[in-house]
Every structure is written in structure tokens, then in C-alpha cells.
C-alpha atoms as a PDB file:
ATOM      1  CA  MET A   1       2.092 126.492 129.006  1.00  0.00           C
ATOM      2  CA  ARG A   2       4.297 129.389 129.344  1.00  0.00           C
ATOM      3  CA  LEU A   3       3.067 131.707 126.748  1.00  0.00           C
ATOM      4  CA  LYS A   4      -0.273 133.512 127.859  1.00  0.00           C
ATOM      5  CA  LEU A   5      -2.793 133.982 124.906  1.00  0.00           C
ATOM      6  CA  LEU A   6      -4.798 137.009 125.660  1.00  0.00           C
ATOM      7  CA  SER A   7      -8.375 137.340 125.252  1.00  0.00           C
ATOM      8  CA  PRO A   8      -9.709 140.638 124.047  1.00  0.00           C
ATOM      9  CA  GLY A   9     -10.453 141.870 127.581  1.00  0.00           C
ATOM     10  CA  GLU A  10      -6.872 141.645 128.452  1.00  0.00           C
ATOM     11  CA  MET A  11      -5.064 143.176 125.535  1.00  0.00           C
ATOM     12  CA  SER A  12      -3.496 146.545 125.487  1.00  0.00           C
ATOM     13  CA  ALA A  13      -4.823 149.247 123.173  1.00  0.00           C
ATOM     14  CA  GLU A  14      -2.010 148.251 120.604  1.00  0.00           C
ATOM     15  CA  GLN A  15      -2.899 144.682 120.818  1.00  0.00           C
ATOM     16  CA  LYS A  16      -6.501 145.121 120.600  1.00  0.00           C
ATOM     17  CA  GLU A  17      -6.190 147.279 117.529  1.00  0.00           C
ATOM     18  CA  THR A  18      -4.132 144.521 115.653  1.00  0.00           C
ATOM     19  CA  TYR A  19      -6.500 142.104 116.960  1.00  0.00           C
ATOM     20  CA  ASP A  20      -9.727 144.128 115.483  1.00  0.00           C
ATOM     21  CA  GLU A  21      -7.988 144.591 112.075  1.00  0.00           C
ATOM     22  CA  SER A  22      -7.614 140.981 111.644  1.00  0.00           C
ATOM     23  CA  ILE A  23     -11.190 140.363 112.320  1.00  0.00           C
ATOM     24  CA  ALA A  24     -12.064 143.172 109.805  1.00  0.00           C
ATOM     25  CA  GLY A  25      -9.964 141.662 107.158  1.00  0.00           C
ATOM     26  CA  LYS A  26     -10.823 138.921 104.623  1.00  0.00           C
ATOM     27  CA  ARG A  27     -10.207 135.904 107.154  1.00  0.00           C
ATOM     28  CA  GLY A  28     -13.005 137.355 109.269  1.00  0.00           C
ATOM     29  CA  ALA A  29     -11.090 136.120 112.137  1.00  0.00           C
ATOM     30  CA  PRO A  30      -7.796 136.192 113.708  1.00  0.00           C
ATOM     31  CA  PRO A  31      -5.348 133.588 112.634  1.00  0.00           C
ATOM     32  CA  ALA A  32      -4.362 131.225 115.420  1.00  0.00           C
ATOM     33  CA  PRO A  33      -0.461 132.065 115.614  1.00  0.00           C
ATOM     34  CA  MET A  34      -1.460 135.652 115.788  1.00  0.00           C
ATOM     35  CA  MET A  35      -2.741 135.103 119.211  1.00  0.00           C
ATOM     36  CA  ALA A  36       0.967 134.153 120.020  1.00  0.00           C
ATOM     37  CA  TRP A  37       2.537 137.034 118.248  1.00  0.00           C
ATOM     38  CA  LEU A  38       0.289 139.538 119.977  1.00  0.00           C
ATOM     39  CA  ASN A  39       2.948 139.882 122.773  1.00  0.00           C
ATOM     40  CA  SER A  40       4.662 142.013 120.016  1.00  0.00           C
ATOM     41  CA  PRO A  41       1.885 143.684 118.396  1.00  0.00           C
ATOM     42  CA  GLU A  42       3.682 145.684 115.603  1.00  0.00           C
ATOM     43  CA  MET A  43       5.248 142.301 114.359  1.00  0.00           C
ATOM     44  CA  ALA A  44       1.843 140.836 114.864  1.00  0.00           C
ATOM     45  CA  ARG A  45       0.292 143.442 112.557  1.00  0.00           C
ATOM     46  CA  HIS A  46       2.652 143.123 109.825  1.00  0.00           C
ATOM     47  CA  ALA A  47       2.917 139.368 109.871  1.00  0.00           C
ATOM     48  CA  THR A  48      -0.684 139.027 109.971  1.00  0.00           C
ATOM     49  CA  ARG A  49      -1.200 141.421 106.902  1.00  0.00           C
ATOM     50  CA  LEU A  50       1.515 139.412 104.939  1.00  0.00           C
ATOM     51  CA  GLY A  51      -0.245 136.245 105.806  1.00  0.00           C
ATOM     52  CA  ALA A  52      -3.337 137.827 104.333  1.00  0.00           C
ATOM     53  CA  VAL A  53      -1.445 138.903 101.057  1.00  0.00           C
ATOM     54  CA  LEU A  54      -0.111 135.399 100.719  1.00  0.00           C
ATOM     55  CA  ARG A  55      -3.295 133.658 101.330  1.00  0.00           C
ATOM     56  CA  PHE A  56      -5.851 135.528  99.424  1.00  0.00           C
ATOM     57  CA  ASP A  57      -4.031 138.121  96.849  1.00  0.00           C
ATOM     58  CA  THR A  58      -1.366 136.088  95.225  1.00  0.00           C
ATOM     59  CA  ILE A  59      -1.687 135.046  91.390  1.00  0.00           C
ATOM     60  CA  PHE A  60      -2.611 131.478  92.602  1.00  0.00           C
ATOM     61  CA  PRO A  61      -6.113 130.248  93.517  1.00  0.00           C
ATOM     62  CA  ALA A  62      -6.499 128.487  96.920  1.00  0.00           C
ATOM     63  CA  LYS A  63      -6.129 124.878  95.441  1.00  0.00           C
ATOM     64  CA  LEU A  64      -2.602 125.705  94.054  1.00  0.00           C
ATOM     65  CA  SER A  65      -1.435 128.166  96.830  1.00  0.00           C
ATOM     66  CA  GLU A  66      -2.218 125.249  99.360  1.00  0.00           C
ATOM     67  CA  ILE A  67       0.014 123.000  97.740  1.00  0.00           C
ATOM     68  CA  ALA A  68       3.056 125.228  98.799  1.00  0.00           C
ATOM     69  CA  ILE A  69       1.657 125.628 102.376  1.00  0.00           C
ATOM     70  CA  LEU A  70       0.887 121.795 102.867  1.00  0.00           C
ATOM     71  CA  VAL A  71       4.435 121.122 101.494  1.00  0.00           C
ATOM     72  CA  THR A  72       5.591 123.321 104.127  1.00  0.00           C
ATOM     73  CA  ALA A  73       3.781 122.010 106.879  1.00  0.00           C
ATOM     74  CA  ARG A  74       4.432 118.499 106.162  1.00  0.00           C
ATOM     75  CA  HIS A  75       8.116 119.177 105.886  1.00  0.00           C
ATOM     76  CA  TRP A  76       8.300 120.700 109.260  1.00  0.00           C
ATOM     77  CA  THR A  77       5.347 118.182 110.902  1.00  0.00           C
ATOM     78  CA  SER A  78       3.696 121.282 111.944  1.00  0.00           C
ATOM     79  CA  HIS A  79       0.366 119.807 113.316  1.00  0.00           C
ATOM     80  CA  TYR A  80      -1.694 122.898 113.613  1.00  0.00           C
ATOM     81  CA  GLU A  81      -0.589 124.454 110.068  1.00  0.00           C
ATOM     82  CA  TRP A  82      -1.535 120.979 108.524  1.00  0.00           C
ATOM     83  CA  TYR A  83      -4.810 121.093 110.305  1.00  0.00           C
ATOM     84  CA  ALA A  84      -5.809 124.447 109.498  1.00  0.00           C
ATOM     85  CA  HIS A  85      -4.704 124.106 105.727  1.00  0.00           C
ATOM     86  CA  LYS A  86      -5.849 120.926 104.973  1.00  0.00           C
ATOM     87  CA  ARG A  87      -9.133 122.273 105.542  1.00  0.00           C
ATOM     88  CA  LEU A  88      -8.741 125.078 103.421  1.00  0.00           C
ATOM     89  CA  ALA A  89      -7.232 123.056 100.351  1.00  0.00           C
ATOM     90  CA  LEU A  90     -10.318 120.736 100.522  1.00  0.00           C
ATOM     91  CA  LYS A  91     -12.416 123.985 100.606  1.00  0.00           C
ATOM     92  CA  GLY A  92     -10.450 125.277  97.695  1.00  0.00           C
ATOM     93  CA  GLY A  93     -11.110 122.222  95.665  1.00  0.00           C
ATOM     94  CA  MET A  94      -7.762 120.296  95.986  1.00  0.00           C
ATOM     95  CA  ASP A  95      -8.071 116.596  95.447  1.00  0.00           C
ATOM     96  CA  PRO A  96      -7.988 114.806  98.435  1.00  0.00           C
ATOM     97  CA  LYS A  97      -5.756 112.091  97.255  1.00  0.00           C
ATOM     98  CA  ILE A  98      -3.058 114.835  96.748  1.00  0.00           C
ATOM     99  CA  ILE A  99      -3.442 115.934 100.327  1.00  0.00           C
ATOM    100  CA  ASP A 100      -2.925 112.176 101.381  1.00  0.00           C
ATOM    101  CA  ASP A 101       0.470 111.941  99.303  1.00  0.00           C
ATOM    102  CA  ILE A 102       1.849 114.984 100.672  1.00  0.00           C
ATOM    103  CA  ARG A 103       0.974 113.827 104.296  1.00  0.00           C
ATOM    104  CA  ASP A 104       2.603 110.402 103.521  1.00  0.00           C
ATOM    105  CA  ARG A 105       5.503 111.821 101.868  1.00  0.00           C
ATOM    106  CA  ARG A 106       4.731 110.514  98.473  1.00  0.00           C
ATOM    107  CA  THR A 107       5.003 112.343  95.227  1.00  0.00           C
ATOM    108  CA  PRO A 108       1.482 113.271  94.096  1.00  0.00           C
ATOM    109  CA  VAL A 109      -0.014 112.832  90.725  1.00  0.00           C
ATOM    110  CA  PHE A 110      -1.254 116.085  89.407  1.00  0.00           C
ATOM    111  CA  ASP A 111      -3.894 116.602  86.709  1.00  0.00           C
ATOM    112  CA  ASP A 112      -2.819 120.219  86.590  1.00  0.00           C
ATOM    113  CA  PRO A 113       0.853 120.823  85.476  1.00  0.00           C
ATOM    114  CA  LYS A 114       0.625 124.283  87.599  1.00  0.00           C
ATOM    115  CA  GLY A 115       0.061 122.254  90.700  1.00  0.00           C
ATOM    116  CA  LYS A 116       2.967 120.009  89.867  1.00  0.00           C
ATOM    117  CA  MET A 117       5.444 122.766  89.272  1.00  0.00           C
ATOM    118  CA  ILE A 118       4.192 124.434  92.576  1.00  0.00           C
ATOM    119  CA  TYR A 119       5.008 121.215  94.514  1.00  0.00           C
ATOM    120  CA  ASP A 120       8.401 120.836  92.687  1.00  0.00           C
ATOM    121  CA  VAL A 121       9.521 124.424  93.801  1.00  0.00           C
ATOM    122  CA  ALA A 122       8.442 124.022  96.966  1.00  0.00           C
ATOM    123  CA  LYS A 123       9.945 120.832  97.632  1.00  0.00           C
ATOM    124  CA  SER A 124      13.300 122.095  96.272  1.00  0.00           C
ATOM    125  CA  LEU A 125      13.337 125.039  98.460  1.00  0.00           C
ATOM    126  CA  HIS A 126      12.832 122.916 101.588  1.00  0.00           C
ATOM    127  CA  GLU A 127      15.000 119.806 100.628  1.00  0.00           C
ATOM    128  CA  GLY A 128      17.346 121.303  98.276  1.00  0.00           C
ATOM    129  CA  HIS A 129      17.545 124.825 100.084  1.00  0.00           C
ATOM    130  CA  GLY A 130      17.277 126.263  96.650  1.00  0.00           C
ATOM    131  CA  VAL A 131      15.847 126.403  93.450  1.00  0.00           C
ATOM    132  CA  SER A 132      17.908 125.591  90.443  1.00  0.00           C
ATOM    133  CA  ARG A 133      17.887 128.196  87.237  1.00  0.00           C
ATOM    134  CA  ALA A 134      16.493 125.384  85.186  1.00  0.00           C
ATOM    135  CA  LEU A 135      13.494 124.774  87.531  1.00  0.00           C
ATOM    136  CA  TYR A 136      12.921 128.476  88.127  1.00  0.00           C
ATOM    137  CA  ASN A 137      12.738 129.106  84.403  1.00  0.00           C
ATOM    138  CA  ASP A 138      10.362 126.465  83.775  1.00  0.00           C
ATOM    139  CA  ALA A 139       8.072 127.655  86.598  1.00  0.00           C
ATOM    140  CA  VAL A 140       8.067 131.183  85.156  1.00  0.00           C
ATOM    141  CA  LYS A 141       7.659 129.566  81.715  1.00  0.00           C
ATOM    142  CA  LEU A 142       4.662 127.539  82.863  1.00  0.00           C
ATOM    143  CA  LEU A 143       3.049 129.988  85.461  1.00  0.00           C
ATOM    144  CA  GLY A 144       4.142 133.289  83.959  1.00  0.00           C
ATOM    145  CA  GLU A 145       5.718 136.395  85.589  1.00  0.00           C
ATOM    146  CA  ARG A 146       3.325 139.058  86.980  1.00  0.00           C
ATOM    147  CA  GLY A 147       4.683 142.556  87.286  1.00  0.00           C
ATOM    148  CA  ASP A 148       4.550 145.851  85.581  1.00  0.00           C
ATOM    149  CA  ARG A 149       7.079 145.730  82.559  1.00  0.00           C
ATOM    150  CA  ARG A 150       6.545 149.488  82.110  1.00  0.00           C
ATOM    151  CA  ASN A 151       8.402 150.273  85.425  1.00  0.00           C
ATOM    152  CA  HIS A 152      10.452 147.343  86.287  1.00  0.00           C
ATOM    153  CA  ARG A 153      13.675 147.011  88.374  1.00  0.00           C
ATOM    154  CA  PRO A 154      15.770 143.857  88.681  1.00  0.00           C
ATOM    155  CA  VAL A 155      15.993 142.313  92.262  1.00  0.00           C
ATOM    156  CA  ARG A 156      17.751 138.894  93.276  1.00  0.00           C
ATOM    157  CA  LEU A 157      15.840 136.236  95.287  1.00  0.00           C
ATOM    158  CA  LEU A 158      18.584 135.748  97.867  1.00  0.00           C
ATOM    159  CA  HIS A 159      18.600 132.076  99.058  1.00  0.00           C
ATOM    160  CA  PRO A 160      21.497 130.164 100.652  1.00  0.00           C
ATOM    161  CA  GLY A 161      21.056 127.140  98.063  1.00  0.00           C
ATOM    162  CA  ILE A 162      22.070 129.430  95.279  1.00  0.00           C
ATOM    163  CA  ASP A 163      25.472 131.122  94.615  1.00  0.00           C
ATOM    164  CA  ASP A 164      26.088 134.793  93.690  1.00  0.00           C
ATOM    165  CA  ALA A 165      26.213 133.954  89.942  1.00  0.00           C
ATOM    166  CA  GLU A 166      23.015 131.888  89.997  1.00  0.00           C
ATOM    167  CA  HIS A 167      20.787 134.533  92.180  1.00  0.00           C
ATOM    168  CA  VAL A 168      17.425 134.737  90.287  1.00  0.00           C
ATOM    169  CA  ARG A 169      16.551 138.019  88.913  1.00  0.00           C
ATOM    170  CA  ILE A 170      12.975 138.917  88.748  1.00  0.00           C
ATOM    171  CA  ARG A 171      10.894 141.987  87.700  1.00  0.00           C
ATOM    172  CA  THR A 172       8.953 143.621  90.454  1.00  0.00           C
ATOM    173  CA  ALA A 173       6.595 146.843  90.566  1.00  0.00           C
ATOM    174  CA  GLY A 174       3.190 145.746  91.399  1.00  0.00           C
ATOM    175  CA  ARG A 175       3.041 141.796  91.578  1.00  0.00           C
ATOM    176  CA  ALA A 176       6.270 139.724  92.281  1.00  0.00           C
ATOM    177  CA  SER A 177       6.946 136.758  89.923  1.00  0.00           C
ATOM    178  CA  VAL A 178       5.419 133.103  90.482  1.00  0.00           C
ATOM    179  CA  GLY A 179       9.094 132.165  91.873  1.00  0.00           C
ATOM    180  CA  ALA A 180       8.706 135.064  94.494  1.00  0.00           C
ATOM    181  CA  CYS A 181       5.223 134.173  95.252  1.00  0.00           C
ATOM    182  CA  VAL A 182       6.067 130.566  96.085  1.00  0.00           C
ATOM    183  CA  ARG A 183       9.058 131.364  97.894  1.00  0.00           C
ATOM    184  CA  LYS A 184       7.137 133.850 100.093  1.00  0.00           C
ATOM    185  CA  ILE A 185       4.506 131.210 100.799  1.00  0.00           C
ATOM    186  CA  THR A 186       7.134 128.681 101.766  1.00  0.00           C
ATOM    187  CA  THR A 187       9.323 130.880 103.838  1.00  0.00           C
ATOM    188  CA  TYR A 188       6.600 132.657 105.508  1.00  0.00           C
ATOM    189  CA  VAL A 189       4.936 129.669 106.912  1.00  0.00           C
ATOM    190  CA  SER A 190       8.378 128.138 107.739  1.00  0.00           C
ATOM    191  CA  ARG A 191       9.882 130.871 109.730  1.00  0.00           C
ATOM    192  CA  THR A 192       6.735 132.327 111.466  1.00  0.00           C
ATOM    193  CA  ARG A 193       3.514 130.428 111.223  1.00  0.00           C
ATOM    194  CA  CYS A 194       5.050 127.127 112.084  1.00  0.00           C
ATOM    195  CA  SER A 195       7.293 128.174 114.947  1.00  0.00           C
ATOM    196  CA  ALA A 196       4.104 129.578 116.619  1.00  0.00           C
ATOM    197  CA  SER A 197       1.696 126.717 115.791  1.00  0.00           C
ATOM    198  CA  SER A 198       2.790 124.225 118.508  1.00  0.00           C
ATOM    199  CA  ALA A 199       2.021 126.835 121.205  1.00  0.00           C
ATOM    200  CA  VAL A 200      -1.448 127.511 119.665  1.00  0.00           C
ATOM    201  CA  HIS A 201      -2.526 123.855 118.728  1.00  0.00           C
ATOM    202  CA  ARG A 202      -1.729 122.927 122.463  1.00  0.00           C
ATOM    203  CA  ARG A 203      -3.887 125.658 123.739  1.00  0.00           C
ATOM    204  CA  ALA A 204      -6.809 124.491 121.044  1.00  0.00           C
ATOM    205  CA  GLY A 205      -6.016 120.790 121.912  1.00  0.00           C
ATOM    206  CA  THR A 206      -5.737 120.344 118.007  1.00  0.00           C
ATOM    207  CA  HIS A 207      -3.504 117.804 116.395  1.00  0.00           C
ATOM    208  CA  ALA A 208      -3.612 116.505 112.967  1.00  0.00           C
ATOM    209  CA  GLY A 209      -1.722 113.485 111.242  1.00  0.00           C
ATOM    210  CA  ALA A 210       0.877 115.499 109.583  1.00  0.00           C
END
């Protein structure tokens, strides 16, 4: 392969600092795509921190947040991402039948309406390139809006599938709204982790039936 994945002994001081930070975090180990990102240590540091927030510190438990990630992995047929997050989804308590349905591009049957809503938002983002006003409002109604209402400011969730008149306004201060959380999960996985996955899974010899 062209991209050299460094061992700790081959890393520069800046790369090693980022590597060590990832080990000290909640994961306890560097995420596999970070090993590719380390060629740009500052980017690797910020991307890894963002990934940790989206995995551990959103308003969703793992069995819900992993729905958005698996939908994203399946949309792009990202083998490593699927392999890694299928394990995490099962560990988090997701029904294996839901995982199989996402893998086979069937619409899963959810016992939890929150899971269905996250699935619908994630699918809409990938396949429709946007979220309708009605779907967004339904998501906020079901899943709630998390933020400090004493000190909020309106922002817009920019997305090419929504025209300017329909840009979604959300309240932010501490935590973002549910729509923002789902969008962050799906866009982060799409634009960064999936792009690095193929290089890493070739090195690891890892494939999954995504």
C-alpha cells in the first residue's frame, strides 16, 4: 500500500502526542482511521476528538447512535466502518435483526420509536441529501432538543438539500439539538472515517459483509 501507517517508534513528537492522547481517552486505543490521519497530526487530533464526542458524549446511548453510523457505513459500503461498528452496536444492545436489515438494505422494524426516527433521519440525509421540515420537526418532538435555553442563539443547519427558506434553525449553547447530533454523526463518518477506512482495513486484512 502507498500510505505508510506508522508504529509509535516511527512517529514524530507531534504524532506521538496525538497517538498518546487517543489511548488516554475513553476509547482506550487509537481509532483505526487515525493511523492514516497521523500524516497530518493536527487534523488527526481534532478528528479523533470529534469522533470521541460523537461516540461517547451525544444524547444517544450506543444502541441508538450506532444506527446512524451503520446506515452511513452501509450507504457507502465501507467495510471497515461496518466491521467496527457492528461489534459496537451489538455490545450496546442493538437487536441483531436490525443490523442484518440495514446490511441487506431492508427497512428494519424498530420496537423503539427513537431508533426508527434516527434511522429515518440518517437515510434521508444520505438518500435525499437533506431533511424535510416535517421530518426534522418530528425528530425534535420525539427526541427532544438539548441546549441551554437561557443563553441560546439560532444557527442554521446548512445542507445542500434544503433551500435557504427551509434551513433548519436550532438552539445551541451546550449541547446541540437531536437533528444536529444525527447530522454530525452521519456527515463525520461519511467525510472522514469512511474515506480512511479502506486503507486501514487493507492493512489489517479486515473485511465485513457490508
